C-alpha atoms as a PDB file:
ATOM      1  CA  MET A   1     103.489  97.249  86.267  1.00  0.00           C
ATOM      2  CA  ILE A   2     105.367 100.257  84.913  1.00  0.00           C
ATOM      3  CA  ILE A   3     109.032  99.723  84.057  1.00  0.00           C
ATOM      4  CA  LYS A   4     111.453 102.421  82.936  1.00  0.00           C
ATOM      5  CA  ALA A   5     115.193 102.472  82.281  1.00  0.00           C
ATOM      6  CA  SER A   6     117.392 104.469  84.646  1.00  0.00           C
ATOM      7  CA  ALA A   7     118.193 106.892  81.813  1.00  0.00           C
ATOM      8  CA  ALA A   8     114.499 107.820  81.711  1.00  0.00           C
ATOM      9  CA  LEU A   9     114.673 108.889  85.358  1.00  0.00           C
ATOM     10  CA  ARG A  10     117.510 111.247  84.538  1.00  0.00           C
ATOM     11  CA  ASN A  11     116.171 112.472  81.191  1.00  0.00           C
ATOM     12  CA  GLU A  12     112.411 112.416  81.797  1.00  0.00           C
ATOM     13  CA  TYR A  13     112.043 113.187  85.500  1.00  0.00           C
ATOM     14  CA  SER A  14     108.958 115.395  85.093  1.00  0.00           C
ATOM     15  CA  ALA A  15     107.202 112.839  82.901  1.00  0.00           C
ATOM     16  CA  ILE A  16     107.956 110.035  85.379  1.00  0.00           C
ATOM     17  CA  SER A  17     106.797 112.202  88.274  1.00  0.00           C
ATOM     18  CA  ASP A  18     103.530 112.940  86.452  1.00  0.00           C
ATOM     19  CA  LEU A  19     103.109 109.249  85.617  1.00  0.00           C
ATOM     20  CA  ALA A  20     103.552 108.310  89.288  1.00  0.00           C
ATOM     21  CA  LYS A  21     101.007 110.934  90.368  1.00  0.00           C
ATOM     22  CA  ASN A  22      98.453 109.974  87.727  1.00  0.00           C
ATOM     23  CA  THR A  23      98.686 106.199  88.060  1.00  0.00           C
ATOM     24  CA  LYS A  24      99.315 106.091  91.837  1.00  0.00           C
ATOM     25  CA  GLU A  25     101.389 102.988  91.055  1.00  0.00           C
ATOM     26  CA  PRO A  26     105.054 102.266  91.722  1.00  0.00           C
ATOM     27  CA  ILE A  27     107.403 102.691  88.780  1.00  0.00           C
ATOM     28  CA  TYR A  28     110.188 100.144  88.537  1.00  0.00           C
ATOM     29  CA  ILE A  29     113.525 101.555  87.371  1.00  0.00           C
ATOM     30  CA  THR A  30     116.024  99.236  85.711  1.00  0.00           C
ATOM     31  CA  LYS A  31     119.766  99.614  85.347  1.00  0.00           C
ATOM     32  CA  ASN A  32     121.483  97.578  82.649  1.00  0.00           C
ATOM     33  CA  GLY A  33     118.288  95.564  82.228  1.00  0.00           C
ATOM     34  CA  GLU A  34     118.096  94.575  85.915  1.00  0.00           C
ATOM     35  CA  GLY A  35     115.720  95.891  88.575  1.00  0.00           C
ATOM     36  CA  ASP A  36     117.340  98.693  90.566  1.00  0.00           C
ATOM     37  CA  LEU A  37     114.823 101.107  92.153  1.00  0.00           C
ATOM     38  CA  VAL A  38     111.141 101.675  92.747  1.00  0.00           C
ATOM     39  CA  VAL A  39     109.759 105.213  92.522  1.00  0.00           C
ATOM     40  CA  MET A  40     106.301 106.239  93.655  1.00  0.00           C
ATOM     41  CA  ASN A  41     104.234 109.316  94.412  1.00  0.00           C
ATOM     42  CA  ILE A  42     104.503 110.476  98.034  1.00  0.00           C
ATOM     43  CA  ASP A  43     100.729 110.290  98.607  1.00  0.00           C
ATOM     44  CA  ALA A  44     100.616 106.695  97.343  1.00  0.00           C
ATOM     45  CA  PHE A  45     103.624 105.842  99.511  1.00  0.00           C
ATOM     46  CA  GLU A  46     102.051 107.321 102.653  1.00  0.00           C
ATOM     47  CA  ARG A  47      98.780 105.497 101.975  1.00  0.00           C
ATOM     48  CA  ARG A  48     100.712 102.243 101.525  1.00  0.00           C
ATOM     49  CA  GLU A  49     102.562 102.843 104.807  1.00  0.00           C
ATOM     50  CA  GLN A  50      99.255 103.411 106.649  1.00  0.00           C
ATOM     51  CA  ILE A  51      97.885 100.138 105.288  1.00  0.00           C
ATOM     52  CA  LEU A  52     101.012  98.263 106.369  1.00  0.00           C
ATOM     53  CA  GLU A  53     100.833  99.819 109.839  1.00  0.00           C
ATOM     54  CA  LEU A  54      97.184  98.818 110.177  1.00  0.00           C
ATOM     55  CA  ARG A  55      97.983  95.264 109.056  1.00  0.00           C
ATOM     56  CA  ALA A  56     100.741  95.042 111.656  1.00  0.00           C
ATOM     57  CA  LYS A  57      98.315  96.149 114.387  1.00  0.00           C
ATOM     58  CA  VAL A  58      95.707  93.593 113.281  1.00  0.00           C
ATOM     59  CA  LEU A  59      98.334  90.825 113.263  1.00  0.00           C
ATOM     60  CA  GLN A  60      99.523  91.854 116.721  1.00  0.00           C
ATOM     61  CA  ALA A  61      95.958  91.819 118.066  1.00  0.00           C
ATOM     62  CA  GLU A  62      95.348  88.399 116.512  1.00  0.00           C
ATOM     63  CA  GLN A  63      98.559  87.058 118.034  1.00  0.00           C
ATOM     64  CA  GLU A  64      97.525  88.366 121.444  1.00  0.00           C
ATOM     65  CA  ARG A  65      94.115  86.709 121.039  1.00  0.00           C
ATOM     66  CA  ILE A  66      95.750  83.395 120.147  1.00  0.00           C
ATOM     67  CA  GLU A  67      97.971  83.695 123.224  1.00  0.00           C
ATOM     68  CA  GLY A  68      94.861  83.987 125.380  1.00  0.00           C
ATOM     69  CA  LYS A  69      95.068  87.648 126.302  1.00  0.00           C
ATOM     70  CA  GLU A  70      91.853  89.435 127.247  1.00  0.00           C
ATOM     71  CA  THR A  71      89.611  90.318 124.321  1.00  0.00           C
ATOM     72  CA  VAL A  72      86.611  92.601 123.928  1.00  0.00           C
ATOM     73  CA  SER A  73      83.311  91.697 122.290  1.00  0.00           C
ATOM     74  CA  ILE A  74      82.154  93.651 119.252  1.00  0.00           C
ATOM     75  CA  PRO A  75      79.310  95.377 121.173  1.00  0.00           C
ATOM     76  CA  GLU A  76      81.752  96.375 123.930  1.00  0.00           C
ATOM     77  CA  ALA A  77      84.261  97.674 121.361  1.00  0.00           C
ATOM     78  CA  ARG A  78      81.523  99.754 119.688  1.00  0.00           C
ATOM     79  CA  LYS A  79      80.479 101.150 123.075  1.00  0.00           C
ATOM     80  CA  ARG A  80      84.077 102.131 123.898  1.00  0.00           C
ATOM     81  CA  LEU A  81      84.559 103.754 120.498  1.00  0.00           C
ATOM     82  CA  LYS A  82      81.366 105.789 120.865  1.00  0.00           C
ATOM     83  CA  GLU A  83      82.511 106.916 124.318  1.00  0.00           C
ATOM     84  CA  ARG A  84      85.890 107.984 122.907  1.00  0.00           C
ATOM     85  CA  ILE A  85      84.240 109.892 120.068  1.00  0.00           C
ATOM     86  CA  ASN A  86      81.965 111.737 122.476  1.00  0.00           C
ATOM     87  CA  VAL A  87      84.908 112.708 124.666  1.00  0.00           C
ATOM     88  CA  LEU A  88      86.788 114.214 121.732  1.00  0.00           C
END
């Protein structure tokens, strides 16, 4: 976990930006010793958002399965995916 004071954001923006790009980790910014902000590289943020979106879709599908909605077997899902790929 990377923690920086808010003054560092103002005084060392380029260094913090480079740190975020190189580590691909969020940087926690404190103000008066308390957590205030989280800064991260845009590519890392977008990747994180994609993962969260995928998780939400998996959870939704699992909830639908639990509720008894129609499901598809793995072989049928593979067949449908191959058909979609061939159409594109």
